[in-house]
């Protein structure tokens, strides 16, 4: 009798575990998914391989309160910000936004990123946002690709976060940068929308580098709207140091 009860308990735990798993449709690994996502990621404009960083004047408008400071960015160390007059929360927000904005402009090795997972194509749902690509990673990530560009990124990081790209900016080299996009946060348990952030990013070309010049974010959360704008201007590129014997 005791063994029977233990067996029933084990079956019950197994069923609970099954219900807790992701119920979104899965598909077998597909080389077409690999090429589709690889080409779309390669089409995004990124910093040159020898990019050493830059300095710029930094202006932050925190829902009507504007302050001026400076930014020193180097790929190896991230964004160093010098600014006064912001609250601790706004200062942390500004640092996070600048590091995110700049880190997303760095080129990556696709084979070491999403390409190391068993990418798959689920059944085509004919979405106007394009073809869905399943990454099959721990974050339950998926992308959508349309006309060679990424139009959606979907991940579960505590809450489910969906980035929907509405418009892009062409750089004249056959590549693109995100211009307007929305970040939606959904409660992992209830699937209810908890926060929506609407982004406008603008870029300017300095020498052979496309640098961010503006990020505007309107956030809808807890019954209120908040608007913040980050502006970068007066750019100065850091010089690339060539090692002895280099070309």
C-alpha atoms as a PDB file:
ATOM      1  CA  UNK A   1       0.000   0.000   0.000  1.00  0.00           C
ATOM      2  CA  UNK A   2       2.821   2.374   0.916  1.00  0.00           C
ATOM      3  CA  UNK A   3       4.571   1.691  -2.416  1.00  0.00           C
ATOM      4  CA  UNK A   4       1.327   2.355  -4.272  1.00  0.00           C
ATOM      5  CA  UNK A   5       0.863   5.714  -2.548  1.00  0.00           C
ATOM      6  CA  UNK A   6       4.452   6.698  -3.342  1.00  0.00           C
ATOM      7  CA  UNK A   7       3.905   5.737  -6.975  1.00  0.00           C
ATOM      8  CA  UNK A   8       0.722   7.798  -7.200  1.00  0.00           C
ATOM      9  CA  UNK A   9       2.515  10.735  -5.584  1.00  0.00           C
ATOM     10  CA  UNK A  10       5.340  10.475  -8.123  1.00  0.00           C
ATOM     11  CA  UNK A  11       2.836  10.404 -11.010  1.00  0.00           C
ATOM     12  CA  UNK A  12       1.096  13.473  -9.606  1.00  0.00           C
ATOM     13  CA  UNK A  13       4.374  15.377  -9.399  1.00  0.00           C
ATOM     14  CA  UNK A  14       5.188  14.365 -12.966  1.00  0.00           C
ATOM     15  CA  UNK A  15       1.827  15.671 -14.197  1.00  0.00           C
ATOM     16  CA  UNK A  16       2.339  18.972 -12.379  1.00  0.00           C
ATOM     17  CA  UNK A  17       5.748  19.311 -14.009  1.00  0.00           C
ATOM     18  CA  UNK A  18       4.232  18.669 -17.439  1.00  0.00           C
ATOM     19  CA  UNK A  19       1.600  21.354 -16.902  1.00  0.00           C
ATOM     20  CA  UNK A  20       4.325  23.807 -15.866  1.00  0.00           C
ATOM     21  CA  UNK A  21       6.195  23.362 -19.133  1.00  0.00           C
ATOM     22  CA  UNK A  22       5.893  25.832 -22.008  1.00  0.00           C
ATOM     23  CA  UNK A  23       2.764  25.000 -23.994  1.00  0.00           C
ATOM     24  CA  UNK A  24       3.678  27.061 -27.066  1.00  0.00           C
ATOM     25  CA  UNK A  25       4.106  24.911 -30.212  1.00  0.00           C
ATOM     26  CA  UNK A  26       7.503  23.328 -30.795  1.00  0.00           C
ATOM     27  CA  UNK A  27       9.063  22.342 -34.115  1.00  0.00           C
ATOM     28  CA  UNK A  28      12.062  20.354 -35.277  1.00  0.00           C
ATOM     29  CA  UNK A  29      15.381  22.148 -35.968  1.00  0.00           C
ATOM     30  CA  UNK A  30      15.372  23.610 -39.467  1.00  0.00           C
ATOM     31  CA  UNK A  31      18.363  24.955 -41.482  1.00  0.00           C
ATOM     32  CA  UNK A  32      15.986  27.502 -43.052  1.00  0.00           C
ATOM     33  CA  UNK A  33      15.371  29.024 -39.616  1.00  0.00           C
ATOM     34  CA  UNK A  34      19.123  29.328 -39.062  1.00  0.00           C
ATOM     35  CA  UNK A  35      19.682  31.167 -42.368  1.00  0.00           C
ATOM     36  CA  UNK A  36      16.610  33.392 -41.968  1.00  0.00           C
ATOM     37  CA  UNK A  37      17.655  34.685 -38.542  1.00  0.00           C
ATOM     38  CA  UNK A  38      21.373  34.819 -39.349  1.00  0.00           C
ATOM     39  CA  UNK A  39      20.805  37.022 -42.400  1.00  0.00           C
ATOM     40  CA  UNK A  40      18.404  39.324 -40.536  1.00  0.00           C
ATOM     41  CA  UNK A  41      20.864  39.823 -37.685  1.00  0.00           C
ATOM     42  CA  UNK A  42      23.717  40.438 -40.149  1.00  0.00           C
ATOM     43  CA  UNK A  43      21.614  43.166 -41.819  1.00  0.00           C
ATOM     44  CA  UNK A  44      21.530  45.295 -38.662  1.00  0.00           C
ATOM     45  CA  UNK A  45      23.988  48.184 -38.662  1.00  0.00           C
ATOM     46  CA  UNK A  46      26.657  47.701 -35.999  1.00  0.00           C
ATOM     47  CA  UNK A  47      29.838  49.370 -34.808  1.00  0.00           C
ATOM     48  CA  UNK A  48      32.975  48.605 -36.875  1.00  0.00           C
ATOM     49  CA  UNK A  49      35.258  45.902 -35.512  1.00  0.00           C
ATOM     50  CA  UNK A  50      37.941  48.473 -34.603  1.00  0.00           C
ATOM     51  CA  UNK A  51      35.500  50.946 -33.021  1.00  0.00           C
ATOM     52  CA  UNK A  52      37.170  52.505 -29.951  1.00  0.00           C
ATOM     53  CA  UNK A  53      34.201  54.465 -28.608  1.00  0.00           C
ATOM     54  CA  UNK A  54      33.312  58.128 -28.352  1.00  0.00           C
ATOM     55  CA  UNK A  55      32.597  61.111 -26.123  1.00  0.00           C
ATOM     56  CA  UNK A  56      29.462  63.233 -26.346  1.00  0.00           C
ATOM     57  CA  UNK A  57      27.464  65.874 -24.562  1.00  0.00           C
ATOM     58  CA  UNK A  58      24.506  64.227 -22.848  1.00  0.00           C
ATOM     59  CA  UNK A  59      21.090  65.810 -22.243  1.00  0.00           C
ATOM     60  CA  UNK A  60      18.432  64.012 -20.227  1.00  0.00           C
ATOM     61  CA  UNK A  61      14.844  65.278 -20.052  1.00  0.00           C
ATOM     62  CA  UNK A  62      13.210  63.385 -17.198  1.00  0.00           C
ATOM     63  CA  UNK A  63       9.490  64.011 -17.691  1.00  0.00           C
ATOM     64  CA  UNK A  64      10.107  67.767 -18.022  1.00  0.00           C
ATOM     65  CA  UNK A  65      13.197  68.119 -15.816  1.00  0.00           C
ATOM     66  CA  UNK A  66      16.204  68.659 -18.108  1.00  0.00           C
ATOM     67  CA  UNK A  67      19.845  68.311 -17.101  1.00  0.00           C
ATOM     68  CA  UNK A  68      23.091  68.309 -19.094  1.00  0.00           C
ATOM     69  CA  UNK A  69      26.134  66.095 -18.602  1.00  0.00           C
ATOM     70  CA  UNK A  70      28.614  64.031 -20.576  1.00  0.00           C
ATOM     71  CA  UNK A  71      29.087  60.466 -21.816  1.00  0.00           C
ATOM     72  CA  UNK A  72      32.314  58.580 -22.409  1.00  0.00           C
ATOM     73  CA  UNK A  73      31.705  55.220 -24.065  1.00  0.00           C
ATOM     74  CA  UNK A  74      34.288  52.514 -24.692  1.00  0.00           C
ATOM     75  CA  UNK A  75      33.261  49.006 -25.799  1.00  0.00           C
ATOM     76  CA  UNK A  76      35.510  47.360 -23.211  1.00  0.00           C
ATOM     77  CA  UNK A  77      34.133  49.266 -20.213  1.00  0.00           C
ATOM     78  CA  UNK A  78      30.677  50.490 -21.222  1.00  0.00           C
ATOM     79  CA  UNK A  79      29.106  53.900 -20.681  1.00  0.00           C
ATOM     80  CA  UNK A  80      30.696  56.284 -18.183  1.00  0.00           C
ATOM     81  CA  UNK A  81      28.232  59.038 -17.338  1.00  0.00           C
ATOM     82  CA  UNK A  82      28.892  62.353 -15.626  1.00  0.00           C
ATOM     83  CA  UNK A  83      25.673  64.203 -14.808  1.00  0.00           C
ATOM     84  CA  UNK A  84      24.098  65.948 -11.809  1.00  0.00           C
ATOM     85  CA  UNK A  85      20.572  66.926 -10.850  1.00  0.00           C
ATOM     86  CA  UNK A  86      18.797  63.609 -11.406  1.00  0.00           C
ATOM     87  CA  UNK A  87      17.130  61.435  -8.798  1.00  0.00           C
ATOM     88  CA  UNK A  88      18.802  58.137  -7.904  1.00  0.00           C
ATOM     89  CA  UNK A  89      16.088  56.271  -9.815  1.00  0.00           C
ATOM     90  CA  UNK A  90      16.469  58.459 -12.919  1.00  0.00           C
ATOM     91  CA  UNK A  91      20.271  58.152 -12.769  1.00  0.00           C
ATOM     92  CA  UNK A  92      19.998  54.361 -12.696  1.00  0.00           C
ATOM     93  CA  UNK A  93      17.473  54.407 -15.527  1.00  0.00           C
ATOM     94  CA  UNK A  94      19.738  56.635 -17.645  1.00  0.00           C
ATOM     95  CA  UNK A  95      22.773  54.387 -17.106  1.00  0.00           C
ATOM     96  CA  UNK A  96      20.787  51.255 -17.957  1.00  0.00           C
ATOM     97  CA  UNK A  97      19.286  52.779 -21.101  1.00  0.00           C
ATOM     98  CA  UNK A  98      22.606  54.042 -22.467  1.00  0.00           C
ATOM     99  CA  UNK A  99      24.404  50.749 -21.828  1.00  0.00           C
ATOM    100  CA  UNK A 100      21.538  48.840 -23.466  1.00  0.00           C
ATOM    101  CA  UNK A 101      21.372  51.194 -26.449  1.00  0.00           C
ATOM    102  CA  UNK A 102      25.111  51.009 -27.085  1.00  0.00           C
ATOM    103  CA  UNK A 103      25.627  47.313 -26.373  1.00  0.00           C
ATOM    104  CA  UNK A 104      22.923  46.448 -28.923  1.00  0.00           C
ATOM    105  CA  UNK A 105      24.966  48.221 -31.593  1.00  0.00           C
ATOM    106  CA  UNK A 106      27.943  45.896 -31.127  1.00  0.00           C
ATOM    107  CA  UNK A 107      28.443  43.119 -33.647  1.00  0.00           C
ATOM    108  CA  UNK A 108      28.214  39.574 -32.362  1.00  0.00           C
ATOM    109  CA  UNK A 109      29.104  36.100 -33.559  1.00  0.00           C
ATOM    110  CA  UNK A 110      25.810  34.500 -34.578  1.00  0.00           C
ATOM    111  CA  UNK A 111      27.223  31.000 -34.124  1.00  0.00           C
ATOM    112  CA  UNK A 112      28.009  31.823 -30.492  1.00  0.00           C
ATOM    113  CA  UNK A 113      24.628  33.497 -29.927  1.00  0.00           C
ATOM    114  CA  UNK A 114      21.242  32.303 -31.156  1.00  0.00           C
ATOM    115  CA  UNK A 115      22.978  30.136 -33.749  1.00  0.00           C
ATOM    116  CA  UNK A 116      24.129  27.656 -31.097  1.00  0.00           C
ATOM    117  CA  UNK A 117      20.519  26.622 -30.406  1.00  0.00           C
ATOM    118  CA  UNK A 118      18.290  24.248 -32.434  1.00  0.00           C
ATOM    119  CA  UNK A 119      16.427  26.964 -34.372  1.00  0.00           C
ATOM    120  CA  UNK A 120      13.094  25.921 -35.802  1.00  0.00           C
ATOM    121  CA  UNK A 121      10.202  27.169 -37.926  1.00  0.00           C
ATOM    122  CA  UNK A 122       6.712  26.515 -36.517  1.00  0.00           C
ATOM    123  CA  UNK A 123       3.677  26.400 -38.810  1.00  0.00           C
ATOM    124  CA  UNK A 124       3.382  29.646 -40.765  1.00  0.00           C
ATOM    125  CA  UNK A 125       0.677  31.822 -39.167  1.00  0.00           C
ATOM    126  CA  UNK A 126       0.924  34.458 -41.959  1.00  0.00           C
ATOM    127  CA  UNK A 127       1.441  37.246 -39.426  1.00  0.00           C
ATOM    128  CA  UNK A 128       1.980  40.742 -40.903  1.00  0.00           C
ATOM    129  CA  UNK A 129       5.049  40.863 -38.665  1.00  0.00           C
ATOM    130  CA  UNK A 130       6.650  38.033 -40.625  1.00  0.00           C
ATOM    131  CA  UNK A 131       7.866  34.467 -40.149  1.00  0.00           C
ATOM    132  CA  UNK A 132       8.380  33.229 -36.593  1.00  0.00           C
ATOM    133  CA  UNK A 133      11.680  31.559 -35.640  1.00  0.00           C
ATOM    134  CA  UNK A 134      11.834  29.498 -32.439  1.00  0.00           C
ATOM    135  CA  UNK A 135      15.183  29.585 -30.643  1.00  0.00           C
ATOM    136  CA  UNK A 136      14.443  26.731 -28.180  1.00  0.00           C
ATOM    137  CA  UNK A 137      16.542  28.222 -25.373  1.00  0.00           C
ATOM    138  CA  UNK A 138      15.852  28.552 -21.633  1.00  0.00           C
ATOM    139  CA  UNK A 139      14.208  31.972 -22.141  1.00  0.00           C
ATOM    140  CA  UNK A 140      11.649  30.507 -24.581  1.00  0.00           C
ATOM    141  CA  UNK A 141      12.914  33.052 -27.110  1.00  0.00           C
ATOM    142  CA  UNK A 142      11.485  33.577 -30.547  1.00  0.00           C
ATOM    143  CA  UNK A 143      11.946  36.100 -33.342  1.00  0.00           C
ATOM    144  CA  UNK A 144       9.929  37.264 -36.307  1.00  0.00           C
ATOM    145  CA  UNK A 145      11.611  38.178 -39.583  1.00  0.00           C
ATOM    146  CA  UNK A 146      10.075  40.150 -42.460  1.00  0.00           C
ATOM    147  CA  UNK A 147      11.862  41.285 -45.633  1.00  0.00           C
ATOM    148  CA  UNK A 148      15.234  40.437 -44.163  1.00  0.00           C
ATOM    149  CA  UNK A 149      14.693  42.446 -40.960  1.00  0.00           C
ATOM    150  CA  UNK A 150      13.884  41.411 -37.401  1.00  0.00           C
ATOM    151  CA  UNK A 151      10.423  42.695 -36.484  1.00  0.00           C
ATOM    152  CA  UNK A 152       9.853  41.003 -33.115  1.00  0.00           C
ATOM    153  CA  UNK A 153      11.814  39.563 -30.203  1.00  0.00           C
ATOM    154  CA  UNK A 154       9.936  37.517 -27.590  1.00  0.00           C
ATOM    155  CA  UNK A 155      11.601  36.291 -24.370  1.00  0.00           C
ATOM    156  CA  UNK A 156      10.527  35.191 -20.897  1.00  0.00           C
ATOM    157  CA  UNK A 157      12.759  36.719 -18.218  1.00  0.00           C
ATOM    158  CA  UNK A 158      10.577  36.492 -15.150  1.00  0.00           C
ATOM    159  CA  UNK A 159       7.847  38.325 -17.066  1.00  0.00           C
ATOM    160  CA  UNK A 160       7.349  37.770 -20.773  1.00  0.00           C
ATOM    161  CA  UNK A 161       8.931  40.656 -22.726  1.00  0.00           C
ATOM    162  CA  UNK A 162       7.980  41.278 -26.369  1.00  0.00           C
ATOM    163  CA  UNK A 163       9.793  43.852 -28.515  1.00  0.00           C
ATOM    164  CA  UNK A 164       7.829  44.832 -31.626  1.00  0.00           C
ATOM    165  CA  UNK A 165       9.754  46.884 -34.206  1.00  0.00           C
ATOM    166  CA  UNK A 166       7.397  49.188 -36.099  1.00  0.00           C
ATOM    167  CA  UNK A 167       9.825  51.160 -38.301  1.00  0.00           C
ATOM    168  CA  UNK A 168      13.517  51.101 -39.171  1.00  0.00           C
ATOM    169  CA  UNK A 169      16.087  53.573 -40.485  1.00  0.00           C
ATOM    170  CA  UNK A 170      18.169  52.651 -43.531  1.00  0.00           C
ATOM    171  CA  UNK A 171      21.858  53.503 -43.295  1.00  0.00           C
ATOM    172  CA  UNK A 172      22.544  53.550 -47.041  1.00  0.00           C
ATOM    173  CA  UNK A 173      24.757  50.468 -46.881  1.00  0.00           C
ATOM    174  CA  UNK A 174      21.976  47.938 -47.252  1.00  0.00           C
ATOM    175  CA  UNK A 175      21.675  47.723 -43.477  1.00  0.00           C
ATOM    176  CA  UNK A 176      19.167  49.118 -41.002  1.00  0.00           C
ATOM    177  CA  UNK A 177      18.695  50.416 -37.471  1.00  0.00           C
ATOM    178  CA  UNK A 178      15.521  50.300 -35.317  1.00  0.00           C
ATOM    179  CA  UNK A 179      13.624  53.601 -35.340  1.00  0.00           C
ATOM    180  CA  UNK A 180      10.229  53.042 -33.684  1.00  0.00           C
ATOM    181  CA  UNK A 181       9.481  50.043 -31.474  1.00  0.00           C
ATOM    182  CA  UNK A 182       7.307  48.985 -28.535  1.00  0.00           C
ATOM    183  CA  UNK A 183       8.351  46.882 -25.540  1.00  0.00           C
ATOM    184  CA  UNK A 184       5.421  45.076 -23.890  1.00  0.00           C
ATOM    185  CA  UNK A 185       5.696  43.296 -20.547  1.00  0.00           C
ATOM    186  CA  UNK A 186       3.217  40.513 -19.686  1.00  0.00           C
ATOM    187  CA  UNK A 187       2.780  38.893 -16.284  1.00  0.00           C
ATOM    188  CA  UNK A 188       4.169  35.358 -16.515  1.00  0.00           C
ATOM    189  CA  UNK A 189       1.279  33.841 -14.529  1.00  0.00           C
ATOM    190  CA  UNK A 190      -1.754  35.804 -15.755  1.00  0.00           C
ATOM    191  CA  UNK A 191      -0.519  36.892 -19.233  1.00  0.00           C
ATOM    192  CA  UNK A 192      -1.909  40.355 -18.454  1.00  0.00           C
ATOM    193  CA  UNK A 193      -0.133  43.378 -19.935  1.00  0.00           C
ATOM    194  CA  UNK A 194       1.637  45.161 -17.050  1.00  0.00           C
ATOM    195  CA  UNK A 195       3.748  47.769 -18.834  1.00  0.00           C
ATOM    196  CA  UNK A 196       4.148  49.256 -22.298  1.00  0.00           C
ATOM    197  CA  UNK A 197       7.134  51.337 -23.425  1.00  0.00           C
ATOM    198  CA  UNK A 198       7.125  53.162 -26.766  1.00  0.00           C
ATOM    199  CA  UNK A 199      10.589  53.969 -28.136  1.00  0.00           C
ATOM    200  CA  UNK A 200      11.890  56.346 -30.788  1.00  0.00           C
ATOM    201  CA  UNK A 201      15.602  55.991 -31.586  1.00  0.00           C
ATOM    202  CA  UNK A 202      17.498  58.316 -33.906  1.00  0.00           C
ATOM    203  CA  UNK A 203      21.057  57.970 -35.217  1.00  0.00           C
ATOM    204  CA  UNK A 204      23.639  60.170 -36.884  1.00  0.00           C
ATOM    205  CA  UNK A 205      26.665  59.215 -38.959  1.00  0.00           C
ATOM    206  CA  UNK A 206      30.056  60.350 -37.672  1.00  0.00           C
ATOM    207  CA  UNK A 207      32.867  59.367 -40.051  1.00  0.00           C
ATOM    208  CA  UNK A 208      32.104  55.688 -40.797  1.00  0.00           C
ATOM    209  CA  UNK A 209      30.136  55.057 -37.595  1.00  0.00           C
ATOM    210  CA  UNK A 210      26.399  55.377 -36.937  1.00  0.00           C
ATOM    211  CA  UNK A 211      25.983  56.748 -33.409  1.00  0.00           C
ATOM    212  CA  UNK A 212      22.766  57.105 -31.384  1.00  0.00           C
ATOM    213  CA  UNK A 213      21.688  60.746 -31.153  1.00  0.00           C
ATOM    214  CA  UNK A 214      18.283  60.434 -29.447  1.00  0.00           C
ATOM    215  CA  UNK A 215      16.171  57.966 -27.500  1.00  0.00           C
ATOM    216  CA  UNK A 216      12.618  58.951 -26.524  1.00  0.00           C
ATOM    217  CA  UNK A 217      10.608  56.625 -24.285  1.00  0.00           C
ATOM    218  CA  UNK A 218       6.956  56.979 -23.307  1.00  0.00           C
ATOM    219  CA  UNK A 219       6.047  54.480 -20.589  1.00  0.00           C
ATOM    220  CA  UNK A 220       2.497  53.450 -19.682  1.00  0.00           C
ATOM    221  CA  UNK A 221       2.379  51.729 -16.300  1.00  0.00           C
ATOM    222  CA  UNK A 222       0.213  51.720 -13.181  1.00  0.00           C
ATOM    223  CA  UNK A 223      -2.310  54.153 -14.656  1.00  0.00           C
ATOM    224  CA  UNK A 224       0.133  56.887 -15.694  1.00  0.00           C
ATOM    225  CA  UNK A 225       2.325  57.979 -18.591  1.00  0.00           C
ATOM    226  CA  UNK A 226       5.974  58.990 -18.221  1.00  0.00           C
ATOM    227  CA  UNK A 227       8.047  60.589 -20.978  1.00  0.00           C
ATOM    228  CA  UNK A 228      11.846  60.703 -20.986  1.00  0.00           C
ATOM    229  CA  UNK A 229      14.302  61.748 -23.686  1.00  0.00           C
ATOM    230  CA  UNK A 230      18.049  61.128 -23.954  1.00  0.00           C
ATOM    231  CA  UNK A 231      19.927  63.318 -26.448  1.00  0.00           C
ATOM    232  CA  UNK A 232      23.573  62.900 -27.474  1.00  0.00           C
ATOM    233  CA  UNK A 233      25.424  65.617 -29.406  1.00  0.00           C
ATOM    234  CA  UNK A 234      28.866  67.117 -30.019  1.00  0.00           C
ATOM    235  CA  UNK A 235      30.421  63.732 -30.746  1.00  0.00           C
ATOM    236  CA  UNK A 236      34.143  63.046 -30.551  1.00  0.00           C
ATOM    237  CA  UNK A 237      35.358  59.625 -31.678  1.00  0.00           C
ATOM    238  CA  UNK A 238      38.145  57.970 -29.720  1.00  0.00           C
ATOM    239  CA  UNK A 239      41.192  57.222 -31.812  1.00  0.00           C
ATOM    240  CA  UNK A 240      41.895  53.628 -32.729  1.00  0.00           C
ATOM    241  CA  UNK A 241      45.236  52.545 -31.263  1.00  0.00           C
ATOM    242  CA  UNK A 242      47.168  50.321 -33.643  1.00  0.00           C
ATOM    243  CA  UNK A 243      49.584  47.896 -32.018  1.00  0.00           C
ATOM    244  CA  UNK A 244      53.231  47.932 -33.079  1.00  0.00           C
ATOM    245  CA  UNK A 245      53.673  46.019 -36.299  1.00  0.00           C
ATOM    246  CA  UNK A 246      49.975  46.368 -37.160  1.00  0.00           C
ATOM    247  CA  UNK A 247      48.698  47.583 -40.522  1.00  0.00           C
END
